[in-house]
C-alpha atoms as a PDB file:
ATOM      1  CA  TYR A   1       0.000   0.000   0.000  1.00  0.00           C
ATOM      2  CA  GLU A   2       0.913   3.648  -0.411  1.00  0.00           C
ATOM      3  CA  PRO A   3      -0.148   5.462   2.772  1.00  0.00           C
ATOM      4  CA  VAL A   4      -1.573   8.957   2.300  1.00  0.00           C
ATOM      5  CA  VAL A   5      -1.682  10.594   5.736  1.00  0.00           C
ATOM      6  CA  VAL A   6      -4.154  13.347   6.609  1.00  0.00           C
ATOM      7  CA  GLU A   7      -3.827  14.644  10.156  1.00  0.00           C
ATOM      8  CA  GLY A   8      -4.715  17.671  12.218  1.00  0.00           C
ATOM      9  CA  HIS A   9      -7.173  19.269  14.609  1.00  0.00           C
ATOM     10  CA  ASP A  10      -8.664  22.146  12.592  1.00  0.00           C
ATOM     11  CA  PRO A  11     -11.671  21.117  10.442  1.00  0.00           C
ATOM     12  CA  ARG A  12     -11.140  24.163   8.187  1.00  0.00           C
ATOM     13  CA  LYS A  13      -7.733  22.751   7.223  1.00  0.00           C
ATOM     14  CA  MET A  14      -8.627  19.069   7.448  1.00  0.00           C
ATOM     15  CA  HIS A  15     -11.539  19.117   4.998  1.00  0.00           C
ATOM     16  CA  PRO A  16      -9.480  20.508   2.077  1.00  0.00           C
ATOM     17  CA  ALA A  17      -6.572  18.188   2.956  1.00  0.00           C
ATOM     18  CA  PHE A  18      -8.881  15.167   2.998  1.00  0.00           C
ATOM     19  CA  ALA A  19     -10.482  16.233  -0.301  1.00  0.00           C
ATOM     20  CA  LYS A  20      -7.011  16.516  -1.829  1.00  0.00           C
ATOM     21  CA  ALA A  21      -6.118  13.031  -0.532  1.00  0.00           C
ATOM     22  CA  LEU A  22      -9.354  11.580  -1.958  1.00  0.00           C
ATOM     23  CA  ASP A  23      -8.683  13.174  -5.356  1.00  0.00           C
ATOM     24  CA  TYR A  24      -5.114  11.852  -5.371  1.00  0.00           C
ATOM     25  CA  CYS A  25      -6.223   8.324  -4.430  1.00  0.00           C
ATOM     26  CA  ALA A  26      -9.063   8.289  -6.964  1.00  0.00           C
ATOM     27  CA  ASP A  27      -6.669   9.388  -9.727  1.00  0.00           C
ATOM     28  CA  LYS A  28      -4.114   6.766  -8.680  1.00  0.00           C
ATOM     29  CA  ILE A  29      -6.758   3.996  -8.644  1.00  0.00           C
ATOM     30  CA  LYS A  30      -8.051   5.104 -12.051  1.00  0.00           C
ATOM     31  CA  ALA A  31      -4.496   4.955 -13.464  1.00  0.00           C
ATOM     32  CA  ILE A  32      -3.984   1.459 -12.021  1.00  0.00           C
ATOM     33  CA  GLN A  33      -7.270   0.304 -13.557  1.00  0.00           C
ATOM     34  CA  GLU A  34      -6.454   1.841 -16.939  1.00  0.00           C
ATOM     35  CA  GLN A  35      -3.055   0.136 -17.001  1.00  0.00           C
ATOM     36  CA  ALA A  36      -4.590  -3.224 -16.097  1.00  0.00           C
ATOM     37  CA  ARG A  37      -7.347  -2.900 -18.701  1.00  0.00           C
ATOM     38  CA  SER A  38      -4.985  -1.814 -21.472  1.00  0.00           C
ATOM     39  CA  THR A  39      -2.388  -4.555 -20.876  1.00  0.00           C
ATOM     40  CA  PRO A  40      -2.922  -7.727 -22.963  1.00  0.00           C
ATOM     41  CA  ASP A  41      -3.737 -10.852 -20.959  1.00  0.00           C
ATOM     42  CA  THR A  42      -0.581 -12.498 -22.262  1.00  0.00           C
ATOM     43  CA  GLU A  43       1.639  -9.766 -20.790  1.00  0.00           C
ATOM     44  CA  MET A  44       2.639  -9.719 -17.128  1.00  0.00           C
ATOM     45  CA  ILE A  45       2.372  -6.507 -15.136  1.00  0.00           C
ATOM     46  CA  ASP A  46       3.753  -5.665 -11.703  1.00  0.00           C
ATOM     47  CA  ARG A  47       1.400  -5.851  -8.763  1.00  0.00           C
ATOM     48  CA  PRO A  48       0.048  -2.317  -8.232  1.00  0.00           C
ATOM     49  CA  VAL A  49       0.702  -0.286  -5.106  1.00  0.00           C
ATOM     50  CA  TRP A  50      -2.751   0.815  -3.980  1.00  0.00           C
ATOM     51  CA  PRO A  51      -3.233   4.125  -2.127  1.00  0.00           C
ATOM     52  CA  MET A  52      -4.551   3.981   1.432  1.00  0.00           C
ATOM     53  CA  ILE A  53      -5.772   7.010   3.399  1.00  0.00           C
ATOM     54  CA  ILE A  54      -4.814   7.224   7.061  1.00  0.00           C
ATOM     55  CA  LEU A  55      -6.892   9.824   8.926  1.00  0.00           C
ATOM     56  CA  LYS A  56      -5.471  11.068  12.213  1.00  0.00           C
ATOM     57  CA  SER A  57      -7.894  13.354  14.040  1.00  0.00           C
ATOM     58  CA  PRO A  58      -9.100  13.789  17.612  1.00  0.00           C
ATOM     59  CA  LYS A  59     -11.950  11.535  18.714  1.00  0.00           C
ATOM     60  CA  GLY A  60     -15.244  13.394  18.382  1.00  0.00           C
ATOM     61  CA  TRP A  61     -13.526  16.418  16.835  1.00  0.00           C
ATOM     62  CA  THR A  62     -16.639  17.755  15.102  1.00  0.00           C
ATOM     63  CA  GLY A  63     -18.976  17.301  18.075  1.00  0.00           C
ATOM     64  CA  PRO A  64     -19.348  19.316  21.254  1.00  0.00           C
ATOM     65  CA  LYS A  65     -16.131  19.917  23.191  1.00  0.00           C
ATOM     66  CA  GLU A  66     -17.826  19.616  26.571  1.00  0.00           C
ATOM     67  CA  VAL A  67     -21.289  18.646  27.862  1.00  0.00           C
ATOM     68  CA  ASP A  68     -22.483  19.137  31.450  1.00  0.00           C
ATOM     69  CA  GLY A  69     -18.924  19.973  32.507  1.00  0.00           C
ATOM     70  CA  LYS A  70     -17.552  16.697  31.114  1.00  0.00           C
ATOM     71  CA  LYS A  71     -14.930  16.622  28.353  1.00  0.00           C
ATOM     72  CA  ILE A  72     -16.258  14.938  25.211  1.00  0.00           C
ATOM     73  CA  GLU A  73     -13.719  15.644  22.479  1.00  0.00           C
ATOM     74  CA  ASP A  74     -10.724  13.293  22.463  1.00  0.00           C
ATOM     75  CA  SER A  75     -12.114  11.159  25.291  1.00  0.00           C
ATOM     76  CA  TYR A  76     -13.970   7.857  25.589  1.00  0.00           C
ATOM     77  CA  ARG A  77     -17.241   9.816  25.822  1.00  0.00           C
ATOM     78  CA  SER A  78     -16.945  10.751  22.138  1.00  0.00           C
ATOM     79  CA  HIS A  79     -17.943   7.155  21.275  1.00  0.00           C
ATOM     80  CA  GLN A  80     -21.255   7.601  23.079  1.00  0.00           C
ATOM     81  CA  VAL A  81     -24.234   9.881  22.449  1.00  0.00           C
ATOM     82  CA  PRO A  82     -23.035  13.019  24.259  1.00  0.00           C
ATOM     83  CA  LEU A  83     -26.376  14.857  24.209  1.00  0.00           C
ATOM     84  CA  SER A  84     -28.912  12.739  26.076  1.00  0.00           C
ATOM     85  CA  ASP A  85     -32.126  14.694  25.407  1.00  0.00           C
ATOM     86  CA  PRO A  86     -31.654  17.946  23.476  1.00  0.00           C
ATOM     87  CA  SER A  87     -35.418  18.349  22.873  1.00  0.00           C
ATOM     88  CA  SER A  88     -36.100  18.850  26.588  1.00  0.00           C
ATOM     89  CA  ASN A  89     -32.688  20.135  27.739  1.00  0.00           C
ATOM     90  CA  LYS A  90     -32.006  23.486  26.061  1.00  0.00           C
ATOM     91  CA  GLU A  91     -28.402  23.492  27.327  1.00  0.00           C
ATOM     92  CA  HIS A  92     -27.735  20.483  25.086  1.00  0.00           C
ATOM     93  CA  LEU A  93     -28.714  22.396  21.963  1.00  0.00           C
END
């Protein structure tokens, strides 16, 4: 595999970086497919090196940072539903 690493904490920077990584990987995959489809069956080709995106971001980075005084982002709580009842608890909106 060819790792393509996207990492950071700022969504405004991460979204364009991830889009760039997706475009790069899609182009690379398309080139691999075109080479495979255009090579005669009787001819051997090298095994392709497929791109692989590795996303490194804080857990729960796009959710609330804190709820009811408890840290959510980058903690085990980010794997749970952090807002228990936002329809009746206006502080959770």
